[in-house]
Amino acid sequence: MPQENEIQDSYYIESPEQATVLLNPLRGEIIAQLLEPGSAAEVARTLGETAQRINYHLKALEKAGLVTRVGTRQVRNLVEVLYRSIAKTFVLAESLSMKPETLQKLKDQSSLAHLVTTSERIRRDAMLLMEQSDVGEVIPSATLQLQVQLCTEQQRHAFIEEYTAMAQQLVQRYAGVRGDVQDTYQVLLTVYPKPKE
């Protein structure tokens, strides 16, 4: 059970009120910036928005219970309130009593917000590894970029289920292998439509 102010790995959104709050894509971006405590001013600088606008959306997220206040800090003559997301990822529960088209829109936006969070995490981790490594040191990593034509919704669902299952099997196969070095490697997978140019 998470302790007070401890961030959860996943949070299931079961109330229409919380789901509706996430309809605004900017709020998904704000939550993605608050995996670590941050102020409205910090988030505003990162997203290229005004602090006033970010503060407005933070109030809505806090009221819905999706972000929480975790402290304050003195910055010159001001006291900044620090917020943090209550979870790393948000999952829309199937039990939500909303119109199917509204629910689908929420799921699409939630997936895109998670994609933004994932890409930011990859960028941050890569920069940290570059800073922490010695000159000339090899940091083992791999990337793979592919494209696939998926014409129907059934094909898309089948593809995602199959590739997720394959990745899980591969990770489980190597998770049981113990060597001398206890390094943990991140495995992040994404599937999304190619944006129109």
N, C-alpha and C. Protein backbone atom coordinates (compact mmCIF):
# COMPACT_ATOMS: atom_id res chain seq x y z
N MET A 1 0.85 -1.19 0.00
CA MET A 1 0.00 0.00 0.00
C MET A 1 0.89 1.24 0.00
N PRO A 2 0.71 2.17 -0.98
CA PRO A 2 1.57 3.34 -1.03
C PRO A 2 1.41 4.20 0.22
N GLN A 3 2.53 4.74 0.72
CA GLN A 3 2.47 5.64 1.86
C GLN A 3 2.05 7.02 1.36
N GLU A 4 1.72 7.89 2.32
CA GLU A 4 1.31 9.23 1.96
C GLU A 4 2.41 9.92 1.16
N ASN A 5 2.03 10.58 0.07
CA ASN A 5 2.94 11.30 -0.82
C ASN A 5 3.84 10.38 -1.65
N GLU A 6 3.66 9.08 -1.57
CA GLU A 6 4.45 8.16 -2.39
C GLU A 6 3.75 7.98 -3.72
N ILE A 7 4.50 8.09 -4.81
CA ILE A 7 3.90 7.99 -6.14
C ILE A 7 3.61 6.53 -6.46
N GLN A 8 2.42 6.25 -7.00
CA GLN A 8 2.03 4.89 -7.37
C GLN A 8 2.52 4.59 -8.79
N ASP A 9 2.69 3.30 -9.09
CA ASP A 9 3.06 2.92 -10.45
C ASP A 9 1.89 3.15 -11.41
N SER A 10 0.70 2.71 -11.02
CA SER A 10 -0.49 2.86 -11.86
C SER A 10 -1.68 3.27 -11.01
N TYR A 11 -2.57 4.02 -11.63
CA TYR A 11 -3.79 4.44 -10.95
C TYR A 11 -4.96 4.24 -11.91
N TYR A 12 -5.98 3.52 -11.46
CA TYR A 12 -7.16 3.25 -12.30
C TYR A 12 -8.18 4.37 -12.11
N ILE A 13 -8.50 5.03 -13.21
CA ILE A 13 -9.50 6.10 -13.18
C ILE A 13 -10.87 5.48 -13.37
N GLU A 14 -11.66 5.52 -12.31
CA GLU A 14 -12.98 4.88 -12.33
C GLU A 14 -14.12 5.89 -12.24
N SER A 15 -13.82 7.15 -11.95
CA SER A 15 -14.89 8.15 -11.86
C SER A 15 -14.93 9.01 -13.12
N PRO A 16 -16.12 9.27 -13.65
CA PRO A 16 -16.26 10.14 -14.83
C PRO A 16 -15.68 11.53 -14.59
N GLU A 17 -15.74 12.01 -13.34
CA GLU A 17 -15.22 13.35 -13.02
C GLU A 17 -13.71 13.40 -13.28
N GLN A 18 -12.99 12.39 -12.79
CA GLN A 18 -11.54 12.36 -13.02
C GLN A 18 -11.23 12.20 -14.51
N ALA A 19 -11.99 11.36 -15.18
CA ALA A 19 -11.77 11.14 -16.61
C ALA A 19 -11.99 12.43 -17.39
N THR A 20 -13.03 13.18 -17.04
CA THR A 20 -13.34 14.41 -17.74
C THR A 20 -12.23 15.45 -17.57
N VAL A 21 -11.62 15.48 -16.38
CA VAL A 21 -10.52 16.41 -16.14
C VAL A 21 -9.37 16.17 -17.12
N LEU A 22 -9.17 14.91 -17.48
CA LEU A 22 -8.07 14.56 -18.38
C LEU A 22 -8.40 14.79 -19.86
N LEU A 23 -9.62 15.25 -20.17
CA LEU A 23 -9.97 15.53 -21.57
C LEU A 23 -9.06 16.59 -22.19
N ASN A 24 -8.57 17.51 -21.37
CA ASN A 24 -7.67 18.54 -21.88
C ASN A 24 -6.27 17.97 -22.03
N PRO A 25 -5.73 17.91 -23.26
CA PRO A 25 -4.41 17.30 -23.48
C PRO A 25 -3.29 17.97 -22.69
N LEU A 26 -3.41 19.28 -22.43
CA LEU A 26 -2.37 19.97 -21.67
C LEU A 26 -2.24 19.39 -20.27
N ARG A 27 -3.35 18.94 -19.71
CA ARG A 27 -3.29 18.37 -18.35
C ARG A 27 -2.50 17.07 -18.34
N GLY A 28 -2.61 16.29 -19.41
CA GLY A 28 -1.79 15.09 -19.52
C GLY A 28 -0.31 15.43 -19.57
N GLU A 29 0.03 16.53 -20.28
CA GLU A 29 1.43 16.95 -20.35
C GLU A 29 1.91 17.45 -18.98
N ILE A 30 1.04 18.14 -18.26
CA ILE A 30 1.41 18.63 -16.92
C ILE A 30 1.70 17.46 -16.00
N ILE A 31 0.82 16.45 -16.02
CA ILE A 31 1.02 15.27 -15.18
C ILE A 31 2.34 14.58 -15.53
N ALA A 32 2.65 14.53 -16.84
CA ALA A 32 3.89 13.88 -17.28
C ALA A 32 5.13 14.58 -16.72
N GLN A 33 5.02 15.90 -16.46
CA GLN A 33 6.15 16.66 -15.92
C GLN A 33 6.28 16.54 -14.42
N LEU A 34 5.27 15.95 -13.78
CA LEU A 34 5.25 15.92 -12.32
C LEU A 34 5.50 14.52 -11.74
N LEU A 35 6.31 13.72 -12.43
CA LEU A 35 6.73 12.45 -11.84
C LEU A 35 7.66 12.74 -10.65
N GLU A 36 8.33 13.88 -10.70
CA GLU A 36 9.10 14.41 -9.58
C GLU A 36 8.44 15.72 -9.16
N PRO A 37 8.54 16.09 -7.88
CA PRO A 37 7.90 17.34 -7.43
C PRO A 37 8.33 18.54 -8.26
N GLY A 38 7.37 19.40 -8.59
CA GLY A 38 7.66 20.59 -9.36
C GLY A 38 6.62 21.67 -9.10
N SER A 39 6.97 22.89 -9.43
CA SER A 39 6.07 24.02 -9.23
C SER A 39 5.39 24.38 -10.55
N ALA A 40 4.36 25.21 -10.46
CA ALA A 40 3.68 25.69 -11.67
C ALA A 40 4.66 26.43 -12.57
N ALA A 41 5.56 27.21 -11.97
CA ALA A 41 6.53 27.98 -12.76
C ALA A 41 7.48 27.05 -13.52
N GLU A 42 7.94 25.97 -12.87
CA GLU A 42 8.85 25.01 -13.53
C GLU A 42 8.16 24.33 -14.72
N VAL A 43 6.94 23.85 -14.47
CA VAL A 43 6.19 23.18 -15.53
C VAL A 43 5.92 24.13 -16.68
N ALA A 44 5.59 25.38 -16.34
CA ALA A 44 5.32 26.39 -17.37
C ALA A 44 6.54 26.62 -18.26
N ARG A 45 7.72 26.70 -17.65
CA ARG A 45 8.94 26.91 -18.43
C ARG A 45 9.20 25.73 -19.36
N THR A 46 9.01 24.52 -18.83
CA THR A 46 9.27 23.31 -19.63
C THR A 46 8.32 23.22 -20.82
N LEU A 47 7.05 23.57 -20.60
CA LEU A 47 6.03 23.42 -21.64
C LEU A 47 5.84 24.67 -22.49
N GLY A 48 6.56 25.74 -22.15
CA GLY A 48 6.42 26.98 -22.91
C GLY A 48 5.07 27.64 -22.72
N GLU A 49 4.52 27.53 -21.52
CA GLU A 49 3.22 28.12 -21.18
C GLU A 49 3.41 29.18 -20.10
N THR A 50 2.34 29.92 -19.82
CA THR A 50 2.40 30.89 -18.72
C THR A 50 2.15 30.15 -17.41
N ALA A 51 2.77 30.66 -16.35
CA ALA A 51 2.57 30.05 -15.02
C ALA A 51 1.11 30.14 -14.60
N GLN A 52 0.44 31.22 -15.00
CA GLN A 52 -0.97 31.40 -14.64
C GLN A 52 -1.84 30.30 -15.25
N ARG A 53 -1.57 29.99 -16.53
CA ARG A 53 -2.35 28.94 -17.19
C ARG A 53 -2.09 27.57 -16.57
N ILE A 54 -0.81 27.27 -16.30
CA ILE A 54 -0.46 25.98 -15.69
C ILE A 54 -1.08 25.88 -14.30
N ASN A 55 -1.06 26.98 -13.55
CA ASN A 55 -1.62 26.98 -12.21
C ASN A 55 -3.12 26.68 -12.24
N TYR A 56 -3.81 27.23 -13.23
CA TYR A 56 -5.25 26.97 -13.39
C TYR A 56 -5.50 25.47 -13.58
N HIS A 57 -4.72 24.84 -14.46
CA HIS A 57 -4.92 23.41 -14.72
C HIS A 57 -4.46 22.55 -13.54
N LEU A 58 -3.42 23.01 -12.82
CA LEU A 58 -2.98 22.27 -11.63
C LEU A 58 -4.07 22.24 -10.57
N LYS A 59 -4.80 23.35 -10.43
CA LYS A 59 -5.90 23.40 -9.45
C LYS A 59 -6.97 22.37 -9.82
N ALA A 60 -7.28 22.26 -11.12
CA ALA A 60 -8.28 21.28 -11.56
C ALA A 60 -7.79 19.85 -11.32
N LEU A 61 -6.51 19.60 -11.59
CA LEU A 61 -5.94 18.27 -11.37
C LEU A 61 -5.90 17.92 -9.89
N GLU A 62 -5.58 18.92 -9.06
CA GLU A 62 -5.53 18.69 -7.62
C GLU A 62 -6.94 18.41 -7.08
N LYS A 63 -7.92 19.19 -7.54
CA LYS A 63 -9.30 19.00 -7.09
C LYS A 63 -9.81 17.61 -7.45
N ALA A 64 -9.37 17.09 -8.61
CA ALA A 64 -9.78 15.76 -9.05
C ALA A 64 -8.97 14.66 -8.36
N GLY A 65 -7.94 15.04 -7.60
CA GLY A 65 -7.14 14.05 -6.89
C GLY A 65 -6.09 13.37 -7.74
N LEU A 66 -5.69 14.00 -8.86
CA LEU A 66 -4.71 13.39 -9.76
C LEU A 66 -3.29 13.90 -9.52
N VAL A 67 -3.18 15.08 -8.92
CA VAL A 67 -1.89 15.56 -8.42
C VAL A 67 -2.10 15.98 -6.97
N THR A 68 -1.02 16.03 -6.22
CA THR A 68 -1.11 16.38 -4.81
C THR A 68 0.01 17.33 -4.44
N ARG A 69 -0.24 18.17 -3.45
CA ARG A 69 0.80 19.05 -2.93
C ARG A 69 1.75 18.24 -2.07
N VAL A 70 3.05 18.43 -2.31
CA VAL A 70 4.04 17.66 -1.55
C VAL A 70 5.01 18.55 -0.79
N GLY A 71 4.78 19.87 -0.83
CA GLY A 71 5.66 20.76 -0.09
C GLY A 71 5.70 22.15 -0.68
N THR A 72 6.57 22.96 -0.13
CA THR A 72 6.79 24.33 -0.62
C THR A 72 8.28 24.61 -0.60
N ARG A 73 8.66 25.69 -1.30
CA ARG A 73 10.05 26.15 -1.22
C ARG A 73 10.08 27.66 -1.46
N GLN A 74 11.07 28.27 -0.86
CA GLN A 74 11.24 29.72 -0.97
C GLN A 74 12.06 30.02 -2.21
N VAL A 75 11.53 30.87 -3.10
CA VAL A 75 12.26 31.32 -4.28
C VAL A 75 12.21 32.85 -4.26
N ARG A 76 13.34 33.45 -3.92
CA ARG A 76 13.42 34.91 -3.71
C ARG A 76 12.37 35.33 -2.68
N ASN A 77 11.43 36.18 -3.10
CA ASN A 77 10.41 36.65 -2.15
C ASN A 77 9.12 35.84 -2.21
N LEU A 78 9.12 34.78 -3.00
CA LEU A 78 7.91 33.99 -3.19
C LEU A 78 8.03 32.61 -2.55
N VAL A 79 6.90 32.06 -2.16
CA VAL A 79 6.84 30.67 -1.70
C VAL A 79 6.14 29.87 -2.79
N GLU A 80 6.87 28.94 -3.43
CA GLU A 80 6.29 28.11 -4.49
C GLU A 80 5.72 26.83 -3.90
N VAL A 81 4.53 26.48 -4.36
CA VAL A 81 3.91 25.20 -3.97
C VAL A 81 4.43 24.12 -4.91
N LEU A 82 4.85 22.99 -4.35
CA LEU A 82 5.34 21.86 -5.15
C LEU A 82 4.25 20.81 -5.27
N TYR A 83 4.03 20.36 -6.49
CA TYR A 83 3.03 19.34 -6.78
C TYR A 83 3.73 18.09 -7.33
N ARG A 84 3.05 16.96 -7.19
CA ARG A 84 3.53 15.73 -7.83
C ARG A 84 2.33 14.90 -8.26
N SER A 85 2.47 14.22 -9.37
CA SER A 85 1.43 13.31 -9.83
C SER A 85 1.25 12.19 -8.81
N ILE A 86 0.03 11.69 -8.68
CA ILE A 86 -0.19 10.60 -7.72
C ILE A 86 0.27 9.26 -8.28
N ALA A 87 0.51 9.20 -9.62
CA ALA A 87 0.91 7.93 -10.23
C ALA A 87 1.78 8.18 -11.46
N LYS A 88 2.55 7.16 -11.83
CA LYS A 88 3.38 7.25 -13.03
C LYS A 88 2.55 7.08 -14.29
N THR A 89 1.54 6.22 -14.22
CA THR A 89 0.65 6.02 -15.36
C THR A 89 -0.80 5.98 -14.87
N PHE A 90 -1.70 6.37 -15.76
CA PHE A 90 -3.12 6.36 -15.46
C PHE A 90 -3.82 5.45 -16.46
N VAL A 91 -4.69 4.59 -15.94
CA VAL A 91 -5.41 3.62 -16.78
C VAL A 91 -6.90 3.89 -16.64
N LEU A 92 -7.58 4.05 -17.77
CA LEU A 92 -9.02 4.27 -17.74
C LEU A 92 -9.74 2.95 -17.57
N ALA A 93 -10.51 2.83 -16.52
CA ALA A 93 -11.24 1.60 -16.23
C ALA A 93 -12.36 1.39 -17.24
N GLU A 94 -12.57 0.14 -17.60
CA GLU A 94 -13.65 -0.19 -18.55
C GLU A 94 -15.02 0.08 -17.94
N SER A 95 -15.09 0.16 -16.62
CA SER A 95 -16.37 0.34 -15.93
C SER A 95 -16.87 1.78 -15.96
N LEU A 96 -16.09 2.70 -16.55
CA LEU A 96 -16.51 4.10 -16.61
C LEU A 96 -17.83 4.23 -17.36
N SER A 97 -18.81 4.88 -16.72
CA SER A 97 -20.12 5.03 -17.36
C SER A 97 -20.13 6.32 -18.18
N MET A 98 -19.51 6.24 -19.37
CA MET A 98 -19.45 7.39 -20.27
C MET A 98 -19.81 6.92 -21.67
N LYS A 99 -20.13 7.89 -22.53
CA LYS A 99 -20.41 7.55 -23.93
C LYS A 99 -19.19 6.87 -24.54
N PRO A 100 -19.41 5.85 -25.39
CA PRO A 100 -18.26 5.14 -25.98
C PRO A 100 -17.29 6.07 -26.71
N GLU A 101 -17.83 7.08 -27.43
CA GLU A 101 -16.93 7.97 -28.18
C GLU A 101 -16.11 8.85 -27.24
N THR A 102 -16.70 9.25 -26.10
CA THR A 102 -15.96 10.04 -25.11
C THR A 102 -14.87 9.20 -24.47
N LEU A 103 -15.22 7.96 -24.13
CA LEU A 103 -14.26 7.04 -23.53
C LEU A 103 -13.10 6.77 -24.48
N GLN A 104 -13.40 6.59 -25.78
CA GLN A 104 -12.35 6.33 -26.76
C GLN A 104 -11.43 7.53 -26.90
N LYS A 105 -12.02 8.73 -26.89
CA LYS A 105 -11.21 9.95 -26.98
C LYS A 105 -10.26 10.06 -25.79
N LEU A 106 -10.78 9.74 -24.62
CA LEU A 106 -9.95 9.77 -23.41
C LEU A 106 -8.82 8.76 -23.50
N LYS A 107 -9.13 7.56 -23.97
CA LYS A 107 -8.10 6.52 -24.10
C LYS A 107 -7.01 6.95 -25.08
N ASP A 108 -7.43 7.54 -26.21
CA ASP A 108 -6.46 8.00 -27.20
C ASP A 108 -5.54 9.06 -26.61
N GLN A 109 -6.13 10.06 -25.91
CA GLN A 109 -5.34 11.13 -25.32
C GLN A 109 -4.44 10.61 -24.20
N SER A 110 -4.97 9.66 -23.42
CA SER A 110 -4.17 9.07 -22.35
C SER A 110 -2.96 8.35 -22.93
N SER A 111 -3.16 7.62 -24.03
CA SER A 111 -2.05 6.91 -24.68
C SER A 111 -1.01 7.88 -25.21
N LEU A 112 -1.47 8.98 -25.81
CA LEU A 112 -0.53 9.97 -26.35
C LEU A 112 0.23 10.66 -25.23
N ALA A 113 -0.46 10.96 -24.12
CA ALA A 113 0.23 11.57 -22.98
C ALA A 113 1.29 10.63 -22.43
N HIS A 114 0.97 9.33 -22.40
CA HIS A 114 1.95 8.35 -21.93
C HIS A 114 3.13 8.27 -22.90
N LEU A 115 2.86 8.42 -24.20
CA LEU A 115 3.93 8.42 -25.19
C LEU A 115 4.88 9.60 -24.95
N VAL A 116 4.31 10.77 -24.65
CA VAL A 116 5.13 11.94 -24.33
C VAL A 116 5.98 11.67 -23.09
N THR A 117 5.36 11.09 -22.06
CA THR A 117 6.08 10.77 -20.82
C THR A 117 7.23 9.81 -21.10
N THR A 118 6.95 8.78 -21.90
CA THR A 118 7.96 7.77 -22.22
C THR A 118 9.12 8.37 -22.98
N SER A 119 8.83 9.21 -23.98
CA SER A 119 9.91 9.81 -24.76
C SER A 119 10.75 10.75 -23.90
N GLU A 120 10.09 11.47 -22.99
CA GLU A 120 10.83 12.34 -22.07
C GLU A 120 11.72 11.52 -21.14
N ARG A 121 11.22 10.37 -20.69
CA ARG A 121 12.00 9.50 -19.80
C ARG A 121 13.23 8.96 -20.53
N ILE A 122 13.05 8.55 -21.79
CA ILE A 122 14.18 8.04 -22.57
C ILE A 122 15.23 9.13 -22.74
N ARG A 123 14.78 10.34 -23.09
CA ARG A 123 15.70 11.46 -23.27
C ARG A 123 16.45 11.76 -21.98
N ARG A 124 15.72 11.84 -20.85
CA ARG A 124 16.34 12.14 -19.57
C ARG A 124 17.36 11.07 -19.19
N ASP A 125 16.97 9.79 -19.33
CA ASP A 125 17.88 8.70 -18.97
C ASP A 125 19.13 8.69 -19.84
N ALA A 126 18.95 8.97 -21.16
CA ALA A 126 20.10 8.99 -22.07
C ALA A 126 21.07 10.11 -21.69
N MET A 127 20.53 11.28 -21.34
CA MET A 127 21.38 12.40 -20.93
C MET A 127 22.13 12.07 -19.64
N LEU A 128 21.44 11.43 -18.67
CA LEU A 128 22.10 11.05 -17.42
C LEU A 128 23.21 10.04 -17.66
N LEU A 129 22.96 9.06 -18.53
CA LEU A 129 23.99 8.06 -18.84
C LEU A 129 25.20 8.71 -19.50
N MET A 130 24.94 9.68 -20.39
CA MET A 130 26.06 10.37 -21.05
C MET A 130 26.87 11.17 -20.03
N GLU A 131 26.18 11.80 -19.07
CA GLU A 131 26.87 12.59 -18.05
C GLU A 131 27.66 11.71 -17.09
N GLN A 132 27.09 10.53 -16.76
CA GLN A 132 27.70 9.67 -15.75
C GLN A 132 28.81 8.78 -16.30
N SER A 133 28.83 8.58 -17.61
CA SER A 133 29.83 7.66 -18.18
C SER A 133 31.17 8.36 -18.33
N ASP A 134 32.23 7.56 -18.23
CA ASP A 134 33.57 8.08 -18.48
C ASP A 134 33.77 8.22 -19.98
N VAL A 135 34.68 9.11 -20.37
CA VAL A 135 34.99 9.29 -21.79
C VAL A 135 35.53 7.98 -22.35
N GLY A 136 34.98 7.56 -23.45
CA GLY A 136 35.42 6.31 -24.08
C GLY A 136 34.72 5.08 -23.56
N GLU A 137 33.93 5.21 -22.49
CA GLU A 137 33.21 4.07 -21.93
C GLU A 137 32.02 3.72 -22.84
N VAL A 138 31.84 2.43 -23.07
CA VAL A 138 30.72 1.98 -23.90
C VAL A 138 29.50 1.73 -23.02
N ILE A 139 28.39 2.38 -23.35
CA ILE A 139 27.14 2.17 -22.63
C ILE A 139 26.27 1.27 -23.50
N PRO A 140 26.07 0.00 -23.11
CA PRO A 140 25.29 -0.91 -23.95
C PRO A 140 23.84 -0.47 -24.06
N SER A 141 23.39 -0.26 -25.27
CA SER A 141 21.99 0.11 -25.50
C SER A 141 21.62 -0.30 -26.92
N ALA A 142 20.34 -0.32 -27.20
CA ALA A 142 19.89 -0.69 -28.54
C ALA A 142 18.57 0.02 -28.82
N THR A 143 18.38 0.41 -30.07
CA THR A 143 17.10 0.96 -30.50
C THR A 143 16.68 0.28 -31.79
N LEU A 144 15.39 0.19 -31.97
CA LEU A 144 14.84 -0.45 -33.16
C LEU A 144 13.64 0.35 -33.63
N GLN A 145 13.66 0.75 -34.90
CA GLN A 145 12.55 1.53 -35.43
C GLN A 145 12.01 0.82 -36.67
N LEU A 146 10.74 0.48 -36.64
CA LEU A 146 10.10 -0.24 -37.74
C LEU A 146 8.77 0.42 -38.08
N GLN A 147 8.26 0.11 -39.26
CA GLN A 147 6.91 0.54 -39.63
C GLN A 147 6.13 -0.67 -40.09
N VAL A 148 4.84 -0.68 -39.79
CA VAL A 148 3.97 -1.78 -40.19
C VAL A 148 2.64 -1.19 -40.66
N GLN A 149 2.05 -1.80 -41.68
CA GLN A 149 0.76 -1.35 -42.20
C GLN A 149 -0.34 -2.13 -41.47
N LEU A 150 -1.18 -1.40 -40.75
CA LEU A 150 -2.29 -2.02 -40.02
C LEU A 150 -3.57 -1.33 -40.50
N CYS A 151 -4.38 -2.04 -41.26
CA CYS A 151 -5.50 -1.41 -41.96
C CYS A 151 -6.80 -1.36 -41.16
N THR A 152 -6.99 -2.30 -40.26
CA THR A 152 -8.26 -2.36 -39.53
C THR A 152 -8.01 -2.31 -38.04
N GLU A 153 -9.06 -2.00 -37.30
CA GLU A 153 -8.95 -1.96 -35.84
C GLU A 153 -8.62 -3.34 -35.29
N GLN A 154 -9.18 -4.39 -35.91
CA GLN A 154 -8.89 -5.77 -35.48
C GLN A 154 -7.40 -6.09 -35.65
N GLN A 155 -6.84 -5.66 -36.78
CA GLN A 155 -5.41 -5.88 -37.02
C GLN A 155 -4.56 -5.15 -35.98
N ARG A 156 -4.95 -3.91 -35.68
CA ARG A 156 -4.19 -3.12 -34.70
C ARG A 156 -4.20 -3.80 -33.34
N HIS A 157 -5.38 -4.22 -32.90
CA HIS A 157 -5.48 -4.89 -31.59
C HIS A 157 -4.67 -6.19 -31.57
N ALA A 158 -4.80 -6.98 -32.65
CA ALA A 158 -4.08 -8.26 -32.71
C ALA A 158 -2.57 -8.04 -32.70
N PHE A 159 -2.12 -7.04 -33.46
CA PHE A 159 -0.68 -6.76 -33.52
C PHE A 159 -0.15 -6.36 -32.14
N ILE A 160 -0.85 -5.45 -31.47
CA ILE A 160 -0.39 -4.97 -30.16
C ILE A 160 -0.37 -6.10 -29.14
N GLU A 161 -1.41 -6.93 -29.14
CA GLU A 161 -1.45 -8.06 -28.20
C GLU A 161 -0.31 -9.02 -28.45
N GLU A 162 -0.05 -9.33 -29.74
CA GLU A 162 0.99 -10.31 -30.07
C GLU A 162 2.39 -9.77 -29.77
N TYR A 163 2.64 -8.50 -30.12
CA TYR A 163 4.00 -8.00 -29.89
C TYR A 163 4.26 -7.76 -28.41
N THR A 164 3.21 -7.41 -27.65
CA THR A 164 3.36 -7.26 -26.21
C THR A 164 3.67 -8.61 -25.56
N ALA A 165 2.94 -9.65 -25.99
CA ALA A 165 3.17 -11.00 -25.45
C ALA A 165 4.59 -11.48 -25.76
N MET A 166 5.06 -11.23 -26.99
CA MET A 166 6.42 -11.64 -27.37
C MET A 166 7.47 -10.93 -26.53
N ALA A 167 7.28 -9.62 -26.32
CA ALA A 167 8.24 -8.85 -25.52
C ALA A 167 8.25 -9.34 -24.08
N GLN A 168 7.07 -9.62 -23.53
CA GLN A 168 6.99 -10.11 -22.14
C GLN A 168 7.68 -11.46 -22.00
N GLN A 169 7.50 -12.35 -22.99
CA GLN A 169 8.16 -13.66 -22.95
C GLN A 169 9.67 -13.51 -22.98
N LEU A 170 10.16 -12.60 -23.83
CA LEU A 170 11.60 -12.38 -23.95
C LEU A 170 12.18 -11.84 -22.64
N VAL A 171 11.51 -10.87 -22.05
CA VAL A 171 11.98 -10.29 -20.78
C VAL A 171 11.95 -11.34 -19.68
N GLN A 172 10.88 -12.14 -19.61
CA GLN A 172 10.78 -13.17 -18.58
C GLN A 172 11.87 -14.23 -18.74
N ARG A 173 12.21 -14.55 -19.99
CA ARG A 173 13.24 -15.56 -20.23
C ARG A 173 14.58 -15.10 -19.66
N TYR A 174 14.90 -13.81 -19.81
CA TYR A 174 16.19 -13.31 -19.34
C TYR A 174 16.14 -12.82 -17.90
N ALA A 175 14.95 -12.60 -17.37
CA ALA A 175 14.82 -12.14 -15.99
C ALA A 175 15.33 -13.18 -15.00
N GLY A 176 15.24 -14.46 -15.38
CA GLY A 176 15.67 -15.53 -14.48
C GLY A 176 17.14 -15.85 -14.57
N VAL A 177 17.85 -15.24 -15.55
CA VAL A 177 19.28 -15.52 -15.73
C VAL A 177 20.09 -14.60 -14.83
N ARG A 178 20.87 -15.19 -13.93
CA ARG A 178 21.68 -14.40 -13.01
C ARG A 178 23.14 -14.49 -13.41
N GLY A 179 23.77 -13.34 -13.56
CA GLY A 179 25.19 -13.29 -13.87
C GLY A 179 25.95 -12.58 -12.77
N ASP A 180 27.19 -12.23 -13.04
CA ASP A 180 28.01 -11.54 -12.05
C ASP A 180 27.57 -10.09 -11.90
N VAL A 181 27.15 -9.48 -13.02
CA VAL A 181 26.77 -8.07 -12.99
C VAL A 181 25.26 -7.97 -12.80
N GLN A 182 24.84 -7.13 -11.85
CA GLN A 182 23.42 -6.99 -11.54
C GLN A 182 22.87 -5.69 -12.15
N ASP A 183 23.16 -5.43 -13.42
CA ASP A 183 22.63 -4.24 -14.08
C ASP A 183 21.19 -4.47 -14.49
N THR A 184 20.36 -3.44 -14.31
CA THR A 184 18.98 -3.49 -14.76
C THR A 184 18.85 -2.65 -16.01
N TYR A 185 18.21 -3.21 -17.03
CA TYR A 185 18.01 -2.51 -18.29
C TYR A 185 16.54 -2.17 -18.48
N GLN A 186 16.28 -0.96 -18.97
CA GLN A 186 14.93 -0.52 -19.25
C GLN A 186 14.50 -1.06 -20.61
N VAL A 187 13.25 -1.53 -20.71
CA VAL A 187 12.67 -1.94 -21.99
C VAL A 187 11.37 -1.16 -22.16
N LEU A 188 11.35 -0.25 -23.12
CA LEU A 188 10.17 0.58 -23.37
C LEU A 188 9.69 0.34 -24.79
N LEU A 189 8.41 0.05 -24.94
CA LEU A 189 7.84 -0.25 -26.25
C LEU A 189 6.71 0.74 -26.56
N THR A 190 6.66 1.21 -27.79
CA THR A 190 5.56 2.09 -28.19
C THR A 190 5.05 1.69 -29.58
N VAL A 191 3.78 1.91 -29.78
CA VAL A 191 3.17 1.77 -31.10
C VAL A 191 2.25 2.96 -31.29
N TYR A 192 2.43 3.70 -32.37
CA TYR A 192 1.58 4.86 -32.63
C TYR A 192 1.53 5.15 -34.12
N PRO A 193 0.46 5.81 -34.58
CA PRO A 193 0.36 6.12 -36.01
C PRO A 193 1.43 7.10 -36.43
N LYS A 194 1.94 6.94 -37.63
CA LYS A 194 2.92 7.88 -38.15
C LYS A 194 2.22 9.22 -38.41
N PRO A 195 2.71 10.31 -37.80
CA PRO A 195 2.05 11.61 -38.01
C PRO A 195 2.12 12.04 -39.47
N LYS A 196 1.10 12.74 -39.93
CA LYS A 196 1.10 13.28 -41.29
C LYS A 196 2.07 14.44 -41.37
N GLU A 197 2.85 14.48 -42.43
CA GLU A 197 3.85 15.56 -42.60
C GLU A 197 3.14 16.87 -42.95
